[in-house]
């Protein structure tokens, strides 16, 4: 009898652990994106279609910038120098999509990047 109850406990614990893993896989992927010297670092981001992405944007420049990802209707307000903001979205289509800062002449100066949605 003791052996059977021990097996039941192990099965219950394994099930709880399995469910916990399932919940964790649904969490947003966190991506750190720096704005520095009119560049994005990194300038290439990879995410998966249908999975939430949480992008933390740090403006490490002395200039104001913003973040535009038009394919997913993401348009931040101007990000002051030495400040952070974030965006969170769930891509619903695969492909390669540009992002950029269009504050002042940022885009023309090379402040562009691409996001690959697999």
N, C-alpha and C. Protein backbone atom coordinates (compact mmCIF):
# COMPACT_ATOMS: atom_id res chain seq x y z
N UNK A 1 0.82 -1.20 0.00
CA UNK A 1 0.00 0.00 0.00
C UNK A 1 0.87 1.26 0.00
N UNK A 2 1.94 1.25 0.83
CA UNK A 2 2.82 2.41 0.90
C UNK A 2 3.48 2.68 -0.44
N UNK A 3 3.87 1.63 -1.14
CA UNK A 3 4.53 1.74 -2.44
C UNK A 3 3.58 2.38 -3.47
N UNK A 4 2.33 1.99 -3.46
CA UNK A 4 1.35 2.53 -4.39
C UNK A 4 1.11 4.02 -4.14
N UNK A 5 1.00 4.43 -2.87
CA UNK A 5 0.79 5.85 -2.57
C UNK A 5 2.02 6.66 -2.94
N UNK A 6 3.22 6.07 -2.82
CA UNK A 6 4.45 6.76 -3.23
C UNK A 6 4.47 6.99 -4.73
N UNK A 7 4.02 6.00 -5.50
CA UNK A 7 3.95 6.13 -6.95
C UNK A 7 2.95 7.20 -7.34
N UNK A 8 1.81 7.23 -6.67
CA UNK A 8 0.79 8.25 -6.95
C UNK A 8 1.36 9.64 -6.68
N UNK A 9 2.08 9.80 -5.58
CA UNK A 9 2.69 11.10 -5.27
C UNK A 9 3.67 11.52 -6.36
N UNK A 10 4.49 10.58 -6.81
CA UNK A 10 5.47 10.89 -7.86
C UNK A 10 4.76 11.32 -9.13
N UNK A 11 3.71 10.61 -9.51
CA UNK A 11 2.95 10.95 -10.71
C UNK A 11 2.32 12.33 -10.56
N UNK A 12 1.75 12.63 -9.40
CA UNK A 12 1.15 13.94 -9.17
C UNK A 12 2.19 15.05 -9.26
N UNK A 13 3.33 14.85 -8.61
CA UNK A 13 4.40 15.86 -8.65
C UNK A 13 4.89 16.06 -10.09
N UNK A 14 5.07 14.97 -10.82
CA UNK A 14 5.52 15.07 -12.21
C UNK A 14 4.50 15.84 -13.05
N UNK A 15 3.22 15.59 -12.82
CA UNK A 15 2.18 16.32 -13.54
C UNK A 15 2.19 17.80 -13.23
N UNK A 16 2.38 18.14 -11.97
CA UNK A 16 2.44 19.55 -11.57
C UNK A 16 3.65 20.22 -12.21
N UNK A 17 4.79 19.55 -12.18
CA UNK A 17 5.99 20.11 -12.81
C UNK A 17 5.79 20.28 -14.31
N UNK A 18 5.14 19.32 -14.94
CA UNK A 18 4.88 19.41 -16.37
C UNK A 18 3.99 20.61 -16.68
N UNK A 19 2.94 20.80 -15.91
CA UNK A 19 2.06 21.95 -16.12
C UNK A 19 2.79 23.25 -15.89
N UNK A 20 3.67 23.29 -14.91
CA UNK A 20 4.47 24.49 -14.68
C UNK A 20 5.34 24.82 -15.87
N UNK A 21 5.91 23.81 -16.51
CA UNK A 21 6.73 24.03 -17.70
C UNK A 21 5.89 24.56 -18.85
N UNK A 22 4.69 24.06 -18.98
CA UNK A 22 3.81 24.53 -20.03
C UNK A 22 3.52 26.02 -19.88
N UNK A 23 3.27 26.47 -18.66
CA UNK A 23 2.97 27.87 -18.44
C UNK A 23 4.17 28.74 -18.74
N UNK A 24 5.37 28.28 -18.40
CA UNK A 24 6.56 29.08 -18.63
C UNK A 24 6.83 29.26 -20.11
N UNK A 25 6.52 28.27 -20.94
CA UNK A 25 6.80 28.39 -22.36
C UNK A 25 5.93 29.46 -23.01
N UNK A 26 4.82 29.86 -22.38
CA UNK A 26 3.97 30.89 -22.92
C UNK A 26 4.41 32.30 -22.59
N UNK A 27 5.50 32.44 -21.84
CA UNK A 27 5.97 33.77 -21.47
C UNK A 27 6.59 34.46 -22.67
N UNK A 28 6.59 35.79 -22.65
CA UNK A 28 7.15 36.57 -23.74
C UNK A 28 8.67 36.45 -23.79
N UNK A 29 9.20 36.41 -25.00
CA UNK A 29 10.65 36.43 -25.18
C UNK A 29 11.11 37.86 -24.94
N UNK A 30 12.09 38.04 -24.08
CA UNK A 30 12.59 39.37 -23.75
C UNK A 30 13.83 39.68 -24.60
N UNK A 31 13.82 40.83 -25.26
CA UNK A 31 14.91 41.24 -26.15
C UNK A 31 15.38 42.63 -25.74
N UNK A 32 16.68 42.77 -25.51
CA UNK A 32 17.27 44.07 -25.19
C UNK A 32 17.75 44.71 -26.49
N UNK A 33 17.30 45.93 -26.76
CA UNK A 33 17.66 46.65 -27.98
C UNK A 33 18.20 48.01 -27.58
N UNK A 34 19.44 48.30 -27.97
CA UNK A 34 20.07 49.59 -27.64
C UNK A 34 20.02 50.52 -28.83
N UNK A 35 19.84 51.79 -28.54
CA UNK A 35 19.97 52.84 -29.54
C UNK A 35 21.24 53.61 -29.17
N UNK A 36 22.22 53.59 -30.08
CA UNK A 36 23.51 54.19 -29.75
C UNK A 36 24.22 54.64 -31.02
N UNK A 37 24.67 55.89 -31.04
CA UNK A 37 25.38 56.47 -32.19
C UNK A 37 24.60 56.26 -33.49
N UNK A 38 23.31 56.53 -33.45
CA UNK A 38 22.42 56.42 -34.60
C UNK A 38 22.42 55.01 -35.20
N UNK A 39 22.48 54.02 -34.31
CA UNK A 39 22.40 52.62 -34.70
C UNK A 39 21.53 51.87 -33.70
N UNK A 40 21.00 50.74 -34.13
CA UNK A 40 20.34 49.80 -33.22
C UNK A 40 21.31 48.66 -32.97
N UNK A 41 21.44 48.27 -31.72
CA UNK A 41 22.31 47.15 -31.34
C UNK A 41 21.48 46.15 -30.54
N UNK A 42 21.19 44.97 -31.06
CA UNK A 42 21.53 44.49 -32.40
C UNK A 42 20.59 45.09 -33.44
N UNK A 43 21.01 45.01 -34.69
CA UNK A 43 20.15 45.53 -35.76
C UNK A 43 19.37 44.40 -36.45
N UNK A 44 19.51 43.18 -35.93
CA UNK A 44 18.73 42.03 -36.40
C UNK A 44 18.15 41.31 -35.19
N UNK A 45 16.85 41.06 -35.25
CA UNK A 45 16.14 40.38 -34.16
C UNK A 45 15.39 39.20 -34.76
N UNK A 46 15.39 38.08 -34.04
CA UNK A 46 14.66 36.89 -34.49
C UNK A 46 13.61 36.54 -33.44
N UNK A 47 12.36 36.39 -33.88
CA UNK A 47 11.27 35.97 -33.01
C UNK A 47 10.45 34.91 -33.74
N UNK A 48 9.54 34.28 -33.02
CA UNK A 48 8.69 33.25 -33.62
C UNK A 48 7.26 33.75 -33.77
N UNK A 49 6.67 33.41 -34.89
CA UNK A 49 5.27 33.77 -35.14
C UNK A 49 4.39 33.14 -34.07
N UNK A 50 3.49 33.92 -33.52
CA UNK A 50 2.56 33.43 -32.52
C UNK A 50 3.08 33.47 -31.10
N UNK A 51 4.35 33.82 -30.89
CA UNK A 51 4.92 33.92 -29.55
C UNK A 51 5.16 35.38 -29.19
N UNK A 52 4.78 35.76 -28.00
CA UNK A 52 4.94 37.15 -27.56
C UNK A 52 6.41 37.54 -27.49
N UNK A 53 6.68 38.77 -27.90
CA UNK A 53 8.03 39.33 -27.82
C UNK A 53 7.96 40.62 -26.99
N UNK A 54 8.85 40.75 -26.04
CA UNK A 54 8.93 41.92 -25.17
C UNK A 54 10.27 42.59 -25.48
N UNK A 55 10.24 43.75 -26.13
CA UNK A 55 11.47 44.44 -26.52
C UNK A 55 11.69 45.63 -25.59
N UNK A 56 12.83 45.60 -24.89
CA UNK A 56 13.22 46.70 -24.01
C UNK A 56 14.16 47.58 -24.81
N UNK A 57 13.76 48.81 -25.05
CA UNK A 57 14.53 49.73 -25.90
C UNK A 57 15.22 50.75 -25.00
N UNK A 58 16.55 50.72 -25.01
CA UNK A 58 17.36 51.64 -24.21
C UNK A 58 17.98 52.68 -25.13
N UNK A 59 17.63 53.93 -24.93
CA UNK A 59 18.26 55.01 -25.70
C UNK A 59 19.53 55.41 -24.96
N UNK A 60 20.66 54.88 -25.39
CA UNK A 60 21.94 55.17 -24.76
C UNK A 60 22.67 56.31 -25.45
N UNK A 61 21.96 57.06 -26.24
CA UNK A 61 22.51 58.21 -26.96
C UNK A 61 22.23 59.50 -26.21
N UNK A 62 22.81 60.57 -26.70
CA UNK A 62 22.52 61.90 -26.16
C UNK A 62 21.44 62.60 -26.96
N UNK A 63 20.84 61.89 -27.90
CA UNK A 63 19.79 62.42 -28.77
C UNK A 63 18.47 61.70 -28.49
N UNK A 64 17.38 62.31 -28.86
CA UNK A 64 16.06 61.69 -28.76
C UNK A 64 15.87 60.78 -29.98
N UNK A 65 15.31 59.59 -29.76
CA UNK A 65 15.00 58.65 -30.84
C UNK A 65 13.60 58.09 -30.59
N UNK A 66 13.14 57.26 -31.51
CA UNK A 66 11.91 56.50 -31.29
C UNK A 66 12.09 55.12 -31.90
N UNK A 67 11.03 54.32 -31.90
CA UNK A 67 11.10 52.96 -32.46
C UNK A 67 9.83 52.74 -33.26
N UNK A 68 10.01 52.41 -34.53
CA UNK A 68 8.89 52.20 -35.44
C UNK A 68 9.02 50.81 -36.06
N UNK A 69 7.96 50.01 -35.93
CA UNK A 69 7.88 48.69 -36.57
C UNK A 69 6.52 48.64 -37.27
N UNK A 70 6.45 49.26 -38.46
CA UNK A 70 5.14 49.46 -39.10
C UNK A 70 4.38 48.19 -39.44
N UNK A 71 5.06 47.09 -39.73
CA UNK A 71 4.37 45.85 -40.09
C UNK A 71 3.46 45.35 -38.98
N UNK A 72 3.77 45.74 -37.73
CA UNK A 72 2.96 45.31 -36.59
C UNK A 72 2.35 46.50 -35.85
N UNK A 73 2.28 47.64 -36.54
CA UNK A 73 1.63 48.84 -36.02
C UNK A 73 2.22 49.30 -34.68
N UNK A 74 3.54 49.25 -34.58
CA UNK A 74 4.22 49.69 -33.36
C UNK A 74 4.92 51.02 -33.64
N UNK A 75 4.53 52.04 -32.88
CA UNK A 75 5.07 53.38 -33.03
C UNK A 75 5.24 53.96 -31.63
N UNK A 76 6.49 54.05 -31.14
CA UNK A 76 6.67 54.60 -29.80
C UNK A 76 6.67 56.12 -29.84
N UNK A 77 6.44 56.70 -28.70
CA UNK A 77 6.66 58.13 -28.53
C UNK A 77 8.16 58.38 -28.55
N UNK A 78 8.59 59.62 -28.71
CA UNK A 78 10.02 59.91 -28.63
C UNK A 78 10.60 59.40 -27.31
N UNK A 79 11.77 58.77 -27.40
CA UNK A 79 12.45 58.23 -26.22
C UNK A 79 13.57 59.20 -25.87
N UNK A 80 13.47 59.88 -24.73
CA UNK A 80 14.51 60.85 -24.36
C UNK A 80 15.89 60.18 -24.20
N UNK A 81 16.92 60.99 -24.32
CA UNK A 81 18.29 60.51 -24.13
C UNK A 81 18.43 59.84 -22.76
N UNK A 82 19.11 58.70 -22.75
CA UNK A 82 19.42 57.95 -21.53
C UNK A 82 18.18 57.40 -20.82
N UNK A 83 17.11 57.18 -21.56
CA UNK A 83 15.88 56.61 -21.00
C UNK A 83 15.53 55.31 -21.71
N UNK A 84 14.56 54.57 -21.14
CA UNK A 84 14.12 53.30 -21.70
C UNK A 84 12.61 53.31 -21.92
N UNK A 85 12.19 52.46 -22.82
CA UNK A 85 10.78 52.17 -22.99
C UNK A 85 10.69 50.70 -23.43
N UNK A 86 9.50 50.21 -23.59
CA UNK A 86 9.36 48.83 -24.06
C UNK A 86 8.11 48.71 -24.92
N UNK A 87 8.15 47.69 -25.76
CA UNK A 87 6.98 47.33 -26.55
C UNK A 87 6.79 45.82 -26.41
N UNK A 88 5.57 45.39 -26.50
CA UNK A 88 5.27 43.96 -26.46
C UNK A 88 4.25 43.68 -27.54
N UNK A 89 4.50 42.63 -28.31
CA UNK A 89 3.59 42.26 -29.38
C UNK A 89 3.72 40.78 -29.67
N UNK A 90 2.74 40.25 -30.37
CA UNK A 90 2.76 38.86 -30.81
C UNK A 90 2.67 38.86 -32.33
N UNK A 91 3.78 38.56 -33.01
CA UNK A 91 3.75 38.58 -34.47
C UNK A 91 2.79 37.53 -35.03
N UNK A 92 1.97 37.95 -35.97
CA UNK A 92 0.97 37.04 -36.54
C UNK A 92 1.29 36.63 -37.97
N UNK A 93 2.47 37.03 -38.45
CA UNK A 93 2.88 36.66 -39.81
C UNK A 93 4.39 36.49 -39.85
N UNK A 94 4.84 35.57 -40.70
CA UNK A 94 6.28 35.31 -40.84
C UNK A 94 6.86 36.20 -41.93
N UNK A 95 8.16 36.44 -41.84
CA UNK A 95 8.84 37.24 -42.85
C UNK A 95 9.93 38.09 -42.23
N UNK A 96 10.49 38.98 -43.04
CA UNK A 96 11.51 39.92 -42.58
C UNK A 96 10.91 41.31 -42.68
N UNK A 97 10.94 42.04 -41.56
CA UNK A 97 10.27 43.33 -41.48
C UNK A 97 11.23 44.39 -40.95
N UNK A 98 11.25 45.58 -41.58
CA UNK A 98 12.15 46.63 -41.11
C UNK A 98 11.62 47.33 -39.86
N UNK A 99 12.55 47.78 -39.03
CA UNK A 99 12.22 48.71 -37.95
C UNK A 99 13.22 49.85 -38.03
N UNK A 100 12.86 50.99 -37.45
CA UNK A 100 13.73 52.16 -37.57
C UNK A 100 13.30 53.23 -36.58
N UNK A 101 14.12 54.26 -36.50
CA UNK A 101 13.74 55.49 -35.80
C UNK A 101 13.54 56.55 -36.88
N UNK A 102 12.40 57.22 -36.86
CA UNK A 102 12.17 58.27 -37.85
C UNK A 102 12.18 59.66 -37.20
N UNK A 103 12.72 59.74 -36.01
CA UNK A 103 12.83 61.03 -35.34
C UNK A 103 13.92 61.84 -36.03
N UNK A 104 13.59 63.06 -36.43
CA UNK A 104 14.54 63.92 -37.13
C UNK A 104 15.05 63.18 -38.37
N UNK A 105 16.36 63.06 -38.54
CA UNK A 105 16.92 62.37 -39.70
C UNK A 105 17.57 61.04 -39.32
N UNK A 106 17.09 60.41 -38.24
CA UNK A 106 17.66 59.15 -37.75
C UNK A 106 17.72 58.06 -38.83
N UNK A 107 16.61 57.87 -39.53
CA UNK A 107 16.54 56.80 -40.52
C UNK A 107 17.57 57.02 -41.63
N UNK A 108 17.69 58.24 -42.09
CA UNK A 108 18.64 58.57 -43.15
C UNK A 108 20.08 58.40 -42.68
N UNK A 109 20.30 58.53 -41.39
CA UNK A 109 21.65 58.38 -40.83
C UNK A 109 21.98 56.92 -40.51
N UNK A 110 21.06 56.01 -40.80
CA UNK A 110 21.34 54.59 -40.66
C UNK A 110 20.72 53.91 -39.46
N UNK A 111 19.78 54.57 -38.80
CA UNK A 111 19.17 53.98 -37.62
C UNK A 111 18.02 53.07 -38.05
N UNK A 112 18.40 51.90 -38.58
CA UNK A 112 17.45 50.93 -39.12
C UNK A 112 17.85 49.53 -38.68
N UNK A 113 16.91 48.62 -38.74
CA UNK A 113 17.18 47.22 -38.43
C UNK A 113 16.09 46.36 -39.04
N UNK A 114 16.21 45.05 -38.81
CA UNK A 114 15.23 44.11 -39.35
C UNK A 114 14.86 43.10 -38.28
N UNK A 115 13.60 42.70 -38.33
CA UNK A 115 13.13 41.65 -37.45
C UNK A 115 12.71 40.47 -38.32
N UNK A 116 13.23 39.30 -38.00
CA UNK A 116 12.89 38.08 -38.71
C UNK A 116 11.89 37.31 -37.86
N UNK A 117 10.71 37.10 -38.42
CA UNK A 117 9.68 36.31 -37.74
C UNK A 117 9.65 34.95 -38.42
N UNK A 118 9.98 33.91 -37.65
CA UNK A 118 10.04 32.55 -38.19
C UNK A 118 8.70 31.85 -38.06
